[in-house]
Each structure stands twice: as structure tokens, then as C-alpha cells.
Amino acid sequence: MDSVIWSGAALSLVGLCGLIWCIVSAVRIRRSGAEDAEMRARLQKLMAVNMGALLLSVLGLMLVVVGIFLA
């Protein structure tokens, strides 16, 4: 069960890194001074990556909890 816990922790860490990357990218997009329509389009594309990173983080935490319950 240790492998389930550690793989979940690694997956959660990858998701967290993805979320941090999304925050940094969103700040860069906002500071770029792009027009409203272009900025919205770029932020909408970033939203999909954000949701994927959040999903990875949640799945990783679920693996950790399952691994703890089974241990």
C-alpha cells in the first residue's frame, strides 16, 4: 500500500505544479496588455489546463486516502 500512497502523493504534486503554472501564466496574460477579446480567449484555453491540473491533484489525494485506509 505504500506504493499507492506515494504514487498518489506524486500525482498530487504534479497537479499542484500545474496549478501554480496556471496562476503564473494567468498573471502574465493579464500583464501583457492584450485586448479584451484576445485576453479572454487565452484565459479560456488556460482554464482547460487548470481544470486538468485540479483533476490530477484531486485524484492524487484520493489515492493517498485510499492507500491510508487500506494500510
PDB file of N, CA and C in Angstrom:
ATOM      1  N   MET A   1       0.797  -1.187   0.000  1.00  0.00           N
ATOM      2  CA  MET A   1       0.000   0.000   0.000  1.00  0.00           C
ATOM      3  C   MET A   1       0.853   1.270   0.000  1.00  0.00           C
ATOM      4  N   ASP A   2       2.091   1.106   0.336  1.00  0.00           N
ATOM      5  CA  ASP A   2       2.968   2.277   0.309  1.00  0.00           C
ATOM      6  C   ASP A   2       3.093   2.840  -1.097  1.00  0.00           C
ATOM      7  N   SER A   3       3.089   1.948  -2.077  1.00  0.00           N
ATOM      8  CA  SER A   3       3.216   2.434  -3.454  1.00  0.00           C
ATOM      9  C   SER A   3       1.996   3.239  -3.874  1.00  0.00           C
ATOM     10  N   VAL A   4       0.816   2.884  -3.375  1.00  0.00           N
ATOM     11  CA  VAL A   4      -0.398   3.651  -3.695  1.00  0.00           C
ATOM     12  C   VAL A   4      -0.313   5.037  -3.067  1.00  0.00           C
ATOM     13  N   ILE A   5       0.154   5.097  -1.840  1.00  0.00           N
ATOM     14  CA  ILE A   5       0.271   6.383  -1.148  1.00  0.00           C
ATOM     15  C   ILE A   5       1.292   7.272  -1.850  1.00  0.00           C
ATOM     16  N   TRP A   6       2.456   6.718  -2.168  1.00  0.00           N
ATOM     17  CA  TRP A   6       3.500   7.533  -2.785  1.00  0.00           C
ATOM     18  C   TRP A   6       3.157   7.936  -4.217  1.00  0.00           C
ATOM     19  N   SER A   7       2.492   7.044  -4.964  1.00  0.00           N
ATOM     20  CA  SER A   7       2.080   7.424  -6.320  1.00  0.00           C
ATOM     21  C   SER A   7       0.999   8.496  -6.261  1.00  0.00           C
ATOM     22  N   GLY A   8       0.102   8.416  -5.282  1.00  0.00           N
ATOM     23  CA  GLY A   8      -0.903   9.455  -5.107  1.00  0.00           C
ATOM     24  C   GLY A   8      -0.283  10.785  -4.722  1.00  0.00           C
ATOM     25  N   ALA A   9       0.729  10.729  -3.867  1.00  0.00           N
ATOM     26  CA  ALA A   9       1.412  11.963  -3.477  1.00  0.00           C
ATOM     27  C   ALA A   9       2.133  12.584  -4.668  1.00  0.00           C
ATOM     28  N   ALA A  10       2.740  11.752  -5.494  1.00  0.00           N
ATOM     29  CA  ALA A  10       3.433  12.263  -6.681  1.00  0.00           C
ATOM     30  C   ALA A  10       2.434  12.864  -7.672  1.00  0.00           C
ATOM     31  N   LEU A  11       1.303  12.196  -7.857  1.00  0.00           N
ATOM     32  CA  LEU A  11       0.278  12.696  -8.760  1.00  0.00           C
ATOM     33  C   LEU A  11      -0.292  14.019  -8.254  1.00  0.00           C
ATOM     34  N   SER A  12      -0.493  14.101  -6.966  1.00  0.00           N
ATOM     35  CA  SER A  12      -0.982  15.330  -6.371  1.00  0.00           C
ATOM     36  C   SER A  12       0.037  16.468  -6.509  1.00  0.00           C
ATOM     37  N   LEU A  13       1.305  16.144  -6.387  1.00  0.00           N
ATOM     38  CA  LEU A  13       2.355  17.146  -6.550  1.00  0.00           C
ATOM     39  C   LEU A  13       2.424  17.654  -7.990  1.00  0.00           C
ATOM     40  N   VAL A  14       2.254  16.755  -8.956  1.00  0.00           N
ATOM     41  CA  VAL A  14       2.221  17.167 -10.364  1.00  0.00           C
ATOM     42  C   VAL A  14       1.039  18.097 -10.606  1.00  0.00           C
ATOM     43  N   GLY A  15      -0.112  17.758 -10.035  1.00  0.00           N
ATOM     44  CA  GLY A  15      -1.282  18.617 -10.163  1.00  0.00           C
ATOM     45  C   GLY A  15      -1.068  19.978  -9.525  1.00  0.00           C
ATOM     46  N   LEU A  16      -0.420  20.002  -8.377  1.00  0.00           N
ATOM     47  CA  LEU A  16      -0.129  21.264  -7.706  1.00  0.00           C
ATOM     48  C   LEU A  16       0.814  22.125  -8.532  1.00  0.00           C
ATOM     49  N   CYS A  17       1.818  21.502  -9.133  1.00  0.00           N
ATOM     50  CA  CYS A  17       2.734  22.243 -10.010  1.00  0.00           C
ATOM     51  C   CYS A  17       1.983  22.816 -11.212  1.00  0.00           C
ATOM     52  N   GLY A  18       1.038  22.038 -11.735  1.00  0.00           N
ATOM     53  CA  GLY A  18       0.216  22.527 -12.838  1.00  0.00           C
ATOM     54  C   GLY A  18      -0.636  23.715 -12.433  1.00  0.00           C
ATOM     55  N   LEU A  19      -1.181  23.679 -11.234  1.00  0.00           N
ATOM     56  CA  LEU A  19      -1.977  24.810 -10.753  1.00  0.00           C
ATOM     57  C   LEU A  19      -1.127  26.061 -10.569  1.00  0.00           C
ATOM     58  N   ILE A  20       0.067  25.900 -10.047  1.00  0.00           N
ATOM     59  CA  ILE A  20       0.971  27.043  -9.885  1.00  0.00           C
ATOM     60  C   ILE A  20       1.349  27.600 -11.243  1.00  0.00           C
ATOM     61  N   TRP A  21       1.593  26.720 -12.221  1.00  0.00           N
ATOM     62  CA  TRP A  21       1.922  27.172 -13.571  1.00  0.00           C
ATOM     63  C   TRP A  21       0.758  27.961 -14.168  1.00  0.00           C
ATOM     64  N   CYS A  22      -0.465  27.509 -13.923  1.00  0.00           N
ATOM     65  CA  CYS A  22      -1.643  28.219 -14.432  1.00  0.00           C
ATOM     66  C   CYS A  22      -1.767  29.606 -13.821  1.00  0.00           C
ATOM     67  N   ILE A  23      -1.489  29.725 -12.532  1.00  0.00           N
ATOM     68  CA  ILE A  23      -1.560  31.029 -11.873  1.00  0.00           C
ATOM     69  C   ILE A  23      -0.531  31.979 -12.458  1.00  0.00           C
ATOM     70  N   VAL A  24       0.697  31.486 -12.626  1.00  0.00           N
ATOM     71  CA  VAL A  24       1.759  32.330 -13.190  1.00  0.00           C
ATOM     72  C   VAL A  24       1.417  32.732 -14.621  1.00  0.00           C
ATOM     73  N   SER A  25       0.892  31.805 -15.400  1.00  0.00           N
ATOM     74  CA  SER A  25       0.528  32.114 -16.784  1.00  0.00           C
ATOM     75  C   SER A  25      -0.601  33.129 -16.849  1.00  0.00           C
ATOM     76  N   ALA A  26      -1.585  33.005 -15.975  1.00  0.00           N
ATOM     77  CA  ALA A  26      -2.698  33.950 -15.970  1.00  0.00           C
ATOM     78  C   ALA A  26      -2.229  35.354 -15.610  1.00  0.00           C
ATOM     79  N   VAL A  27      -1.317  35.457 -14.659  1.00  0.00           N
ATOM     80  CA  VAL A  27      -0.782  36.770 -14.295  1.00  0.00           C
ATOM     81  C   VAL A  27      -0.019  37.370 -15.476  1.00  0.00           C
ATOM     82  N   ARG A  28       0.755  36.537 -16.178  1.00  0.00           N
ATOM     83  CA  ARG A  28       1.490  37.035 -17.351  1.00  0.00           C
ATOM     84  C   ARG A  28       0.547  37.493 -18.450  1.00  0.00           C
ATOM     85  N   ILE A  29      -0.540  36.754 -18.643  1.00  0.00           N
ATOM     86  CA  ILE A  29      -1.507  37.136 -19.675  1.00  0.00           C
ATOM     87  C   ILE A  29      -2.149  38.467 -19.319  1.00  0.00           C
ATOM     88  N   ARG A  30      -2.505  38.646 -18.070  1.00  0.00           N
ATOM     89  CA  ARG A  30      -3.147  39.896 -17.653  1.00  0.00           C
ATOM     90  C   ARG A  30      -2.186  41.083 -17.750  1.00  0.00           C
ATOM     91  N   ARG A  31      -0.923  40.856 -17.464  1.00  0.00           N
ATOM     92  CA  ARG A  31       0.063  41.946 -17.521  1.00  0.00           C
ATOM     93  C   ARG A  31       0.521  42.263 -18.940  1.00  0.00           C
ATOM     94  N   SER A  32       0.200  41.387 -19.893  1.00  0.00           N
ATOM     95  CA  SER A  32       0.683  41.589 -21.256  1.00  0.00           C
ATOM     96  C   SER A  32       0.020  42.776 -21.943  1.00  0.00           C
ATOM     97  N   GLY A  33      -1.113  43.208 -21.438  1.00  0.00           N
ATOM     98  CA  GLY A  33      -1.788  44.360 -22.023  1.00  0.00           C
ATOM     99  C   GLY A  33      -2.515  44.029 -23.313  1.00  0.00           C
ATOM    100  N   ALA A  34      -2.901  42.788 -23.485  1.00  0.00           N
ATOM    101  CA  ALA A  34      -3.613  42.384 -24.689  1.00  0.00           C
ATOM    102  C   ALA A  34      -5.042  42.937 -24.656  1.00  0.00           C
ATOM    103  N   GLU A  35      -5.664  42.959 -25.816  1.00  0.00           N
ATOM    104  CA  GLU A  35      -7.042  43.431 -25.892  1.00  0.00           C
ATOM    105  C   GLU A  35      -7.957  42.449 -25.164  1.00  0.00           C
ATOM    106  N   ASP A  36      -9.153  42.918 -24.849  1.00  0.00           N
ATOM    107  CA  ASP A  36     -10.077  42.134 -24.035  1.00  0.00           C
ATOM    108  C   ASP A  36     -10.442  40.800 -24.686  1.00  0.00           C
ATOM    109  N   ALA A  37     -10.745  40.808 -25.954  1.00  0.00           N
ATOM    110  CA  ALA A  37     -11.163  39.575 -26.635  1.00  0.00           C
ATOM    111  C   ALA A  37     -10.016  38.562 -26.697  1.00  0.00           C
ATOM    112  N   GLU A  38      -8.817  39.048 -26.980  1.00  0.00           N
ATOM    113  CA  GLU A  38      -7.655  38.150 -27.049  1.00  0.00           C
ATOM    114  C   GLU A  38      -7.325  37.592 -25.666  1.00  0.00           C
ATOM    115  N   MET A  39      -7.419  38.462 -24.651  1.00  0.00           N
ATOM    116  CA  MET A  39      -7.117  38.012 -23.299  1.00  0.00           C
ATOM    117  C   MET A  39      -8.134  36.952 -22.858  1.00  0.00           C
ATOM    118  N   ARG A  40      -9.394  37.140 -23.173  1.00  0.00           N
ATOM    119  CA  ARG A  40     -10.415  36.160 -22.812  1.00  0.00           C
ATOM    120  C   ARG A  40     -10.157  34.824 -23.498  1.00  0.00           C
ATOM    121  N   ALA A  41      -9.779  34.850 -24.759  1.00  0.00           N
ATOM    122  CA  ALA A  41      -9.515  33.612 -25.497  1.00  0.00           C
ATOM    123  C   ALA A  41      -8.330  32.862 -24.884  1.00  0.00           C
ATOM    124  N   ARG A  42      -7.289  33.582 -24.536  1.00  0.00           N
ATOM    125  CA  ARG A  42      -6.115  32.941 -23.950  1.00  0.00           C
ATOM    126  C   ARG A  42      -6.417  32.393 -22.557  1.00  0.00           C
ATOM    127  N   LEU A  43      -7.223  33.129 -21.775  1.00  0.00           N
ATOM    128  CA  LEU A  43      -7.579  32.650 -20.446  1.00  0.00           C
ATOM    129  C   LEU A  43      -8.526  31.456 -20.517  1.00  0.00           C
ATOM    130  N   GLN A  44      -9.373  31.401 -21.543  1.00  0.00           N
ATOM    131  CA  GLN A  44     -10.255  30.238 -21.694  1.00  0.00           C
ATOM    132  C   GLN A  44      -9.453  28.979 -22.018  1.00  0.00           C
ATOM    133  N   LYS A  45      -8.423  29.122 -22.832  1.00  0.00           N
ATOM    134  CA  LYS A  45      -7.555  27.970 -23.116  1.00  0.00           C
ATOM    135  C   LYS A  45      -6.821  27.531 -21.844  1.00  0.00           C
ATOM    136  N   LEU A  46      -6.422  28.494 -21.052  1.00  0.00           N
ATOM    137  CA  LEU A  46      -5.717  28.195 -19.811  1.00  0.00           C
ATOM    138  C   LEU A  46      -6.650  27.523 -18.795  1.00  0.00           C
ATOM    139  N   MET A  47      -7.935  27.822 -18.905  1.00  0.00           N
ATOM    140  CA  MET A  47      -8.909  27.229 -17.986  1.00  0.00           C
ATOM    141  C   MET A  47      -8.958  25.708 -18.131  1.00  0.00           C
ATOM    142  N   ALA A  48      -8.825  25.200 -19.342  1.00  0.00           N
ATOM    143  CA  ALA A  48      -8.831  23.750 -19.556  1.00  0.00           C
ATOM    144  C   ALA A  48      -7.626  23.101 -18.877  1.00  0.00           C
ATOM    145  N   VAL A  49      -6.473  23.728 -18.986  1.00  0.00           N
ATOM    146  CA  VAL A  49      -5.270  23.209 -18.323  1.00  0.00           C
ATOM    147  C   VAL A  49      -5.450  23.268 -16.805  1.00  0.00           C
ATOM    148  N   ASN A  50      -6.071  24.339 -16.330  1.00  0.00           N
ATOM    149  CA  ASN A  50      -6.318  24.498 -14.901  1.00  0.00           C
ATOM    150  C   ASN A  50      -7.213  23.381 -14.382  1.00  0.00           C
ATOM    151  N   MET A  51      -8.266  23.069 -15.100  1.00  0.00           N
ATOM    152  CA  MET A  51      -9.168  22.001 -14.672  1.00  0.00           C
ATOM    153  C   MET A  51      -8.470  20.637 -14.698  1.00  0.00           C
ATOM    154  N   GLY A  52      -7.628  20.407 -15.686  1.00  0.00           N
ATOM    155  CA  GLY A  52      -6.875  19.159 -15.746  1.00  0.00           C
ATOM    156  C   GLY A  52      -5.913  19.024 -14.580  1.00  0.00           C
ATOM    157  N   ALA A  53      -5.236  20.109 -14.235  1.00  0.00           N
ATOM    158  CA  ALA A  53      -4.314  20.082 -13.099  1.00  0.00           C
ATOM    159  C   ALA A  53      -5.064  19.866 -11.794  1.00  0.00           C
ATOM    160  N   LEU A  54      -6.228  20.478 -11.679  1.00  0.00           N
ATOM    161  CA  LEU A  54      -7.036  20.280 -10.479  1.00  0.00           C
ATOM    162  C   LEU A  54      -7.515  18.836 -10.380  1.00  0.00           C
ATOM    163  N   LEU A  55      -7.885  18.244 -11.510  1.00  0.00           N
ATOM    164  CA  LEU A  55      -8.303  16.846 -11.530  1.00  0.00           C
ATOM    165  C   LEU A  55      -7.161  15.926 -11.100  1.00  0.00           C
ATOM    166  N   LEU A  56      -5.963  16.171 -11.609  1.00  0.00           N
ATOM    167  CA  LEU A  56      -4.808  15.362 -11.209  1.00  0.00           C
ATOM    168  C   LEU A  56      -4.552  15.464  -9.705  1.00  0.00           C
ATOM    169  N   SER A  57      -4.650  16.658  -9.190  1.00  0.00           N
ATOM    170  CA  SER A  57      -4.414  16.862  -7.764  1.00  0.00           C
ATOM    171  C   SER A  57      -5.456  16.128  -6.926  1.00  0.00           C
ATOM    172  N   VAL A  58      -6.711  16.204  -7.322  1.00  0.00           N
ATOM    173  CA  VAL A  58      -7.774  15.529  -6.577  1.00  0.00           C
ATOM    174  C   VAL A  58      -7.614  14.016  -6.663  1.00  0.00           C
ATOM    175  N   LEU A  59      -7.311  13.499  -7.847  1.00  0.00           N
ATOM    176  CA  LEU A  59      -7.115  12.058  -7.983  1.00  0.00           C
ATOM    177  C   LEU A  59      -5.939  11.578  -7.136  1.00  0.00           C
ATOM    178  N   GLY A  60      -4.879  12.366  -7.084  1.00  0.00           N
ATOM    179  CA  GLY A  60      -3.737  12.018  -6.254  1.00  0.00           C
ATOM    180  C   GLY A  60      -4.092  11.975  -4.785  1.00  0.00           C
ATOM    181  N   LEU A  61      -4.850  12.949  -4.341  1.00  0.00           N
ATOM    182  CA  LEU A  61      -5.260  12.951  -2.941  1.00  0.00           C
ATOM    183  C   LEU A  61      -6.198  11.790  -2.639  1.00  0.00           C
ATOM    184  N   MET A  62      -7.040  11.422  -3.601  1.00  0.00           N
ATOM    185  CA  MET A  62      -7.909  10.272  -3.404  1.00  0.00           C
ATOM    186  C   MET A  62      -7.091   8.979  -3.279  1.00  0.00           C
ATOM    187  N   LEU A  63      -6.043   8.859  -4.073  1.00  0.00           N
ATOM    188  CA  LEU A  63      -5.176   7.687  -3.962  1.00  0.00           C
ATOM    189  C   LEU A  63      -4.492   7.626  -2.611  1.00  0.00           C
ATOM    190  N   VAL A  64      -4.077   8.770  -2.117  1.00  0.00           N
ATOM    191  CA  VAL A  64      -3.444   8.801  -0.797  1.00  0.00           C
ATOM    192  C   VAL A  64      -4.419   8.334   0.276  1.00  0.00           C
ATOM    193  N   VAL A  65      -5.644   8.835   0.218  1.00  0.00           N
ATOM    194  CA  VAL A  65      -6.643   8.450   1.224  1.00  0.00           C
ATOM    195  C   VAL A  65      -6.973   6.959   1.129  1.00  0.00           C
ATOM    196  N   VAL A  66      -7.123   6.451  -0.085  1.00  0.00           N
ATOM    197  CA  VAL A  66      -7.404   5.025  -0.264  1.00  0.00           C
ATOM    198  C   VAL A  66      -6.235   4.183   0.247  1.00  0.00           C
ATOM    199  N   GLY A  67      -5.017   4.624  -0.043  1.00  0.00           N
ATOM    200  CA  GLY A  67      -3.856   3.900   0.447  1.00  0.00           C
ATOM    201  C   GLY A  67      -3.761   3.881   1.958  1.00  0.00           C
ATOM    202  N   ILE A  68      -4.158   4.976   2.596  1.00  0.00           N
ATOM    203  CA  ILE A  68      -4.127   5.027   4.061  1.00  0.00           C
ATOM    204  C   ILE A  68      -5.191   4.111   4.642  1.00  0.00           C
ATOM    205  N   PHE A  69      -6.384   4.107   4.022  1.00  0.00           N
ATOM    206  CA  PHE A  69      -7.453   3.234   4.532  1.00  0.00           C
ATOM    207  C   PHE A  69      -7.107   1.766   4.382  1.00  0.00           C
ATOM    208  N   LEU A  70      -6.411   1.411   3.307  1.00  0.00           N
ATOM    209  CA  LEU A  70      -6.082   0.013   3.059  1.00  0.00           C
ATOM    210  C   LEU A  70      -4.850  -0.459   3.826  1.00  0.00           C
ATOM    211  N   ALA A  71      -4.076   0.470   4.335  1.00  0.00           N
ATOM    212  CA  ALA A  71      -2.852   0.094   5.038  1.00  0.00           C
ATOM    213  C   ALA A  71      -3.119  -0.443   6.424  1.00  0.00           C
TER     214      ALA A  71
END
